[in-house]
Amino acid sequence: MSLLLLIIGIFAGFFIQTIIGFGGALIALPFLLCVMPLPQAVSYISIFYMISAPIYVYKEWEHIDKSLIKKIALSSFFGVLVGILVLMYGKPLILKKALGVFIILFVLNSLRVKKKSLLFKKMKHFFGFLGGFFSGVFSTGGPLYVMIVQNETADVKTFRATMFAALGLVTLMRIPVLIAGGLITMSEIYNSLYVLPFFIMALFLGKKVYLKLNEALVKKVILGLLFISGLMLAFDI
């Protein structure tokens, strides 16, 4: 049962991730938490982010907003460090609910306001830190990076590619710290081999679906998934 839910969670998460550029952890986490503690779930998700990140970045390199990635890199690094320390030694569930409420408010504001927000432009380093922090604690920093990247990019191709780069960056930062903290062991790596074929299938099918979607629909899917993820985080759905 544990292996089945791990396969379903990783497949569903990275299928969605490939289509819109984020959401892997938000989709996978509820499945994994049914059969394992949070630190182990974060470890599994991080392993598959580590595999997918180079693939995504290589394929989408020309569309990535590299200057934006450089601007948020340092703040994200410190956020990841603090987040993993909280994961290892703290009780972070109240933060999970707070993140959910924040995401819901962001989506509601996005539906009301059509212009770019100066808040995210001026505070991109702060939100980069928060993105790294929640990536370290729950592997769910994606929505915070969505807020930054969506505000700074003009089209879905650039948004999607830059999201791949941002999440790939925090994964590279997160993996060594998780290994050093003993959260990723040979057991997680061994079990991940059973999931790998389904993970590869998710990347392949997700790319096929993405190519059939128009930009307006992808934007609606992004906001819809953000809202659902906010509800899941805030109310433990």
Protein backbone atom coordinates (compact mmCIF):
# COMPACT_ATOMS: atom_id res chain seq x y z
CA MET A 1 0.00 0.00 0.00
CA SER A 2 2.84 2.41 0.83
CA LEU A 3 4.54 1.82 -2.51
CA LEU A 4 1.25 2.17 -4.42
CA LEU A 5 0.47 5.56 -2.85
CA LEU A 6 4.06 6.67 -3.44
CA ILE A 7 3.71 5.78 -7.14
CA ILE A 8 0.30 7.51 -7.46
CA GLY A 9 1.49 10.62 -5.64
CA ILE A 10 4.71 11.04 -7.63
CA PHE A 11 3.00 10.30 -10.96
CA ALA A 12 0.13 12.75 -10.34
CA GLY A 13 2.42 15.45 -8.93
CA PHE A 14 4.97 15.46 -11.73
CA PHE A 15 2.32 15.08 -14.44
CA ILE A 16 0.84 18.40 -13.26
CA GLN A 17 4.32 19.87 -12.71
CA THR A 18 5.28 19.17 -16.33
CA ILE A 19 2.13 20.82 -17.68
CA ILE A 20 2.18 24.12 -15.78
CA GLY A 21 5.68 24.43 -14.26
CA PHE A 22 4.90 23.82 -10.57
CA GLY A 23 2.61 21.85 -8.27
CA GLY A 24 4.53 18.57 -8.02
CA ALA A 25 4.86 18.63 -4.25
CA LEU A 26 1.40 20.10 -3.63
CA ILE A 27 -0.24 17.22 -5.50
CA ALA A 28 2.07 14.46 -4.28
CA LEU A 29 2.25 15.41 -0.60
CA PRO A 30 -1.33 14.44 0.44
CA PHE A 31 -0.86 10.93 -1.01
CA LEU A 32 2.51 10.43 0.64
CA LEU A 33 1.41 11.73 4.04
CA CYS A 34 -1.20 8.95 4.18
CA VAL A 35 1.56 6.37 4.62
CA MET A 36 4.68 8.17 5.89
CA PRO A 37 5.81 11.08 8.12
CA LEU A 38 6.42 14.55 6.67
CA PRO A 39 10.27 14.41 6.63
CA GLN A 40 10.24 11.14 4.65
CA ALA A 41 7.63 12.50 2.22
CA VAL A 42 9.76 15.61 1.64
CA SER A 43 12.78 13.36 1.01
CA TYR A 44 11.00 11.34 -1.69
CA ILE A 45 9.65 14.44 -3.42
CA SER A 46 13.13 16.01 -3.32
CA ILE A 47 14.68 12.94 -4.98
CA PHE A 48 12.31 13.21 -7.93
CA TYR A 49 12.72 16.97 -8.15
CA MET A 50 16.46 16.33 -8.35
CA ILE A 51 15.92 13.98 -11.32
CA SER A 52 13.43 16.20 -13.14
CA ALA A 53 15.14 19.58 -12.65
CA PRO A 54 18.05 19.07 -15.11
CA ILE A 55 15.61 17.66 -17.71
CA TYR A 56 13.23 20.60 -17.42
CA VAL A 57 15.98 23.22 -17.41
CA TYR A 58 17.82 21.70 -20.39
CA LYS A 59 14.67 21.55 -22.52
CA GLU A 60 13.40 25.03 -21.57
CA TRP A 61 16.73 26.88 -21.26
CA GLU A 62 16.05 29.49 -23.96
CA HIS A 63 12.77 30.58 -22.32
CA ILE A 64 14.11 30.97 -18.75
CA ASP A 65 14.29 34.50 -17.29
CA LYS A 66 17.86 34.05 -16.05
CA SER A 67 18.18 37.53 -14.55
CA LEU A 68 15.21 36.86 -12.26
CA ILE A 69 16.68 33.52 -11.15
CA LYS A 70 19.94 35.28 -10.23
CA LYS A 71 18.05 37.88 -8.17
CA ILE A 72 16.27 35.31 -5.97
CA ALA A 73 19.07 32.70 -5.70
CA LEU A 74 20.77 33.95 -2.51
CA SER A 75 17.59 34.65 -0.56
CA SER A 76 16.23 31.24 -1.61
CA PHE A 77 19.37 29.52 -0.31
CA PHE A 78 19.00 30.99 3.17
CA GLY A 79 15.29 30.17 3.11
CA VAL A 80 16.03 26.50 2.34
CA LEU A 81 18.53 26.27 5.20
CA VAL A 82 16.10 27.73 7.74
CA GLY A 83 13.24 25.61 6.39
CA ILE A 84 15.10 22.31 6.74
CA LEU A 85 16.14 23.21 10.29
CA VAL A 86 12.46 23.76 11.13
CA LEU A 87 11.58 20.45 9.42
CA MET A 88 14.17 18.60 11.51
CA TYR A 89 13.69 20.25 14.89
CA GLY A 90 10.43 22.21 14.91
CA LYS A 91 6.67 21.74 14.62
CA PRO A 92 5.90 23.50 11.35
CA LEU A 93 2.23 22.58 10.76
CA ILE A 94 0.90 26.02 11.81
CA LEU A 95 3.11 27.54 9.12
CA LYS A 96 1.53 25.20 6.58
CA LYS A 97 -1.92 26.62 7.39
CA ALA A 98 -0.61 30.18 7.19
CA LEU A 99 0.86 29.51 3.74
CA GLY A 100 -2.50 28.12 2.61
CA VAL A 101 -4.37 31.27 3.70
CA PHE A 102 -1.78 33.47 2.00
CA ILE A 103 -2.13 31.56 -1.29
CA ILE A 104 -5.93 31.82 -1.21
CA LEU A 105 -5.73 35.60 -0.70
CA PHE A 106 -3.22 35.87 -3.56
CA VAL A 107 -5.52 34.02 -5.97
CA LEU A 108 -8.55 36.11 -5.00
CA ASN A 109 -6.50 39.27 -5.51
CA SER A 110 -5.27 38.01 -8.91
CA LEU A 111 -8.87 37.58 -10.07
CA ARG A 112 -9.70 41.12 -8.98
CA VAL A 113 -6.57 42.98 -10.09
CA LYS A 114 -5.30 42.65 -13.65
CA LYS A 115 -2.18 44.80 -13.43
CA LYS A 116 1.25 43.77 -12.15
CA SER A 117 1.79 44.06 -8.42
CA LEU A 118 4.53 46.41 -7.19
CA LEU A 119 4.61 44.47 -3.91
CA PHE A 120 6.15 41.36 -5.51
CA LYS A 121 8.51 43.45 -7.64
CA LYS A 122 9.91 45.35 -4.64
CA MET A 123 9.96 42.37 -2.26
CA LYS A 124 11.14 39.59 -4.58
CA HIS A 125 14.07 38.80 -2.26
CA PHE A 126 11.75 38.41 0.72
CA PHE A 127 9.38 36.16 -1.22
CA GLY A 128 12.40 34.27 -2.57
CA PHE A 129 13.39 33.59 1.05
CA LEU A 130 9.84 32.43 1.86
CA GLY A 131 9.81 30.23 -1.25
CA GLY A 132 13.07 28.61 -0.16
CA PHE A 133 11.80 28.27 3.41
CA PHE A 134 8.60 26.44 2.46
CA SER A 135 10.55 24.36 -0.05
CA GLY A 136 12.79 23.28 2.82
CA VAL A 137 9.93 22.54 5.23
CA PHE A 138 7.27 21.00 2.95
CA SER A 139 8.71 21.03 -0.60
CA THR A 140 5.78 23.38 -1.29
CA GLY A 141 7.54 26.67 -2.05
CA GLY A 142 6.19 26.64 -5.61
CA PRO A 143 3.18 28.93 -5.02
CA LEU A 144 5.43 31.65 -3.60
CA TYR A 145 7.70 31.45 -6.64
CA VAL A 146 4.56 31.55 -8.82
CA MET A 147 3.71 34.92 -7.25
CA ILE A 148 7.15 36.31 -8.09
CA VAL A 149 7.56 34.76 -11.56
CA GLN A 150 4.00 35.44 -12.74
CA ASN A 151 4.47 39.09 -11.82
CA GLU A 152 7.78 39.35 -13.71
CA THR A 153 7.09 37.36 -16.91
CA ALA A 154 4.97 38.27 -19.93
CA ASP A 155 3.87 34.88 -21.31
CA VAL A 156 3.19 31.30 -20.22
CA LYS A 157 6.30 29.85 -21.94
CA THR A 158 8.63 32.13 -19.98
CA PHE A 159 6.63 31.64 -16.77
CA ARG A 160 6.71 27.83 -17.05
CA ALA A 161 10.42 27.66 -17.94
CA THR A 162 11.42 30.12 -15.17
CA MET A 163 9.38 28.13 -12.63
CA PHE A 164 11.27 24.99 -13.65
CA ALA A 165 14.54 26.85 -13.08
CA ALA A 166 13.47 28.31 -9.70
CA LEU A 167 12.31 24.95 -8.34
CA GLY A 168 15.37 23.23 -9.78
CA LEU A 169 17.57 25.76 -7.99
CA VAL A 170 16.00 25.18 -4.57
CA THR A 171 16.19 21.42 -5.13
CA LEU A 172 19.94 21.62 -5.71
CA MET A 173 20.20 23.60 -2.48
CA ARG A 174 17.91 21.24 -0.55
CA ILE A 175 19.34 17.82 -1.45
CA PRO A 176 22.81 18.18 0.18
CA VAL A 177 21.25 19.53 3.39
CA LEU A 178 18.71 16.68 3.52
CA ILE A 179 21.48 14.11 3.03
CA ALA A 180 23.67 15.76 5.67
CA GLY A 181 20.72 15.77 8.09
CA GLY A 182 20.08 12.06 7.53
CA LEU A 183 16.65 12.62 5.95
CA ILE A 184 17.59 11.00 2.63
CA THR A 185 18.95 7.48 3.13
CA MET A 186 19.65 4.47 0.90
CA SER A 187 16.17 3.17 1.74
CA GLU A 188 14.47 6.17 0.07
CA ILE A 189 16.82 5.93 -2.92
CA TYR A 190 16.16 2.17 -3.29
CA ASN A 191 12.37 2.57 -3.13
CA SER A 192 12.55 5.42 -5.63
CA LEU A 193 13.84 2.99 -8.27
CA TYR A 194 10.47 1.22 -8.25
CA VAL A 195 8.72 4.55 -8.86
CA LEU A 196 11.09 5.75 -11.59
CA PRO A 197 9.26 4.24 -14.64
CA PHE A 198 5.97 5.87 -13.55
CA PHE A 199 7.77 9.16 -12.95
CA ILE A 200 9.24 9.09 -16.48
CA MET A 201 5.77 8.33 -17.86
CA ALA A 202 4.40 11.37 -16.00
CA LEU A 203 7.00 13.66 -17.62
CA PHE A 204 6.26 12.26 -21.08
CA LEU A 205 2.46 12.48 -20.81
CA GLY A 206 2.59 15.91 -19.12
CA LYS A 207 4.59 17.35 -22.03
CA LYS A 208 2.09 15.90 -24.53
CA VAL A 209 -0.83 17.50 -22.72
CA TYR A 210 0.96 20.88 -22.37
CA LEU A 211 1.49 21.11 -26.14
CA LYS A 212 -2.27 20.80 -26.70
CA LEU A 213 -3.28 23.58 -24.30
CA ASN A 214 -3.63 27.28 -25.18
CA GLU A 215 -2.10 30.05 -23.06
CA ALA A 216 -5.38 31.36 -21.63
CA LEU A 217 -6.37 27.90 -20.42
CA VAL A 218 -2.95 27.31 -18.83
CA LYS A 219 -3.27 30.60 -16.90
CA LYS A 220 -6.68 29.52 -15.59
CA VAL A 221 -5.28 26.11 -14.60
CA ILE A 222 -2.41 27.81 -12.73
CA LEU A 223 -4.77 29.97 -10.66
CA GLY A 224 -7.18 27.07 -10.12
CA LEU A 225 -4.45 24.77 -8.87
CA LEU A 226 -3.06 27.53 -6.68
CA PHE A 227 -6.47 28.01 -5.07
CA ILE A 228 -6.96 24.27 -4.49
CA SER A 229 -3.47 23.95 -3.03
CA GLY A 230 -4.18 26.86 -0.71
CA LEU A 231 -7.34 25.13 0.57
CA MET A 232 -5.46 21.86 1.05
CA LEU A 233 -2.69 23.54 3.03
CA ALA A 234 -4.98 25.77 5.11
CA PHE A 235 -7.58 23.16 6.05
CA ASP A 236 -5.56 19.90 5.86
CA ILE A 237 -7.84 18.54 3.13
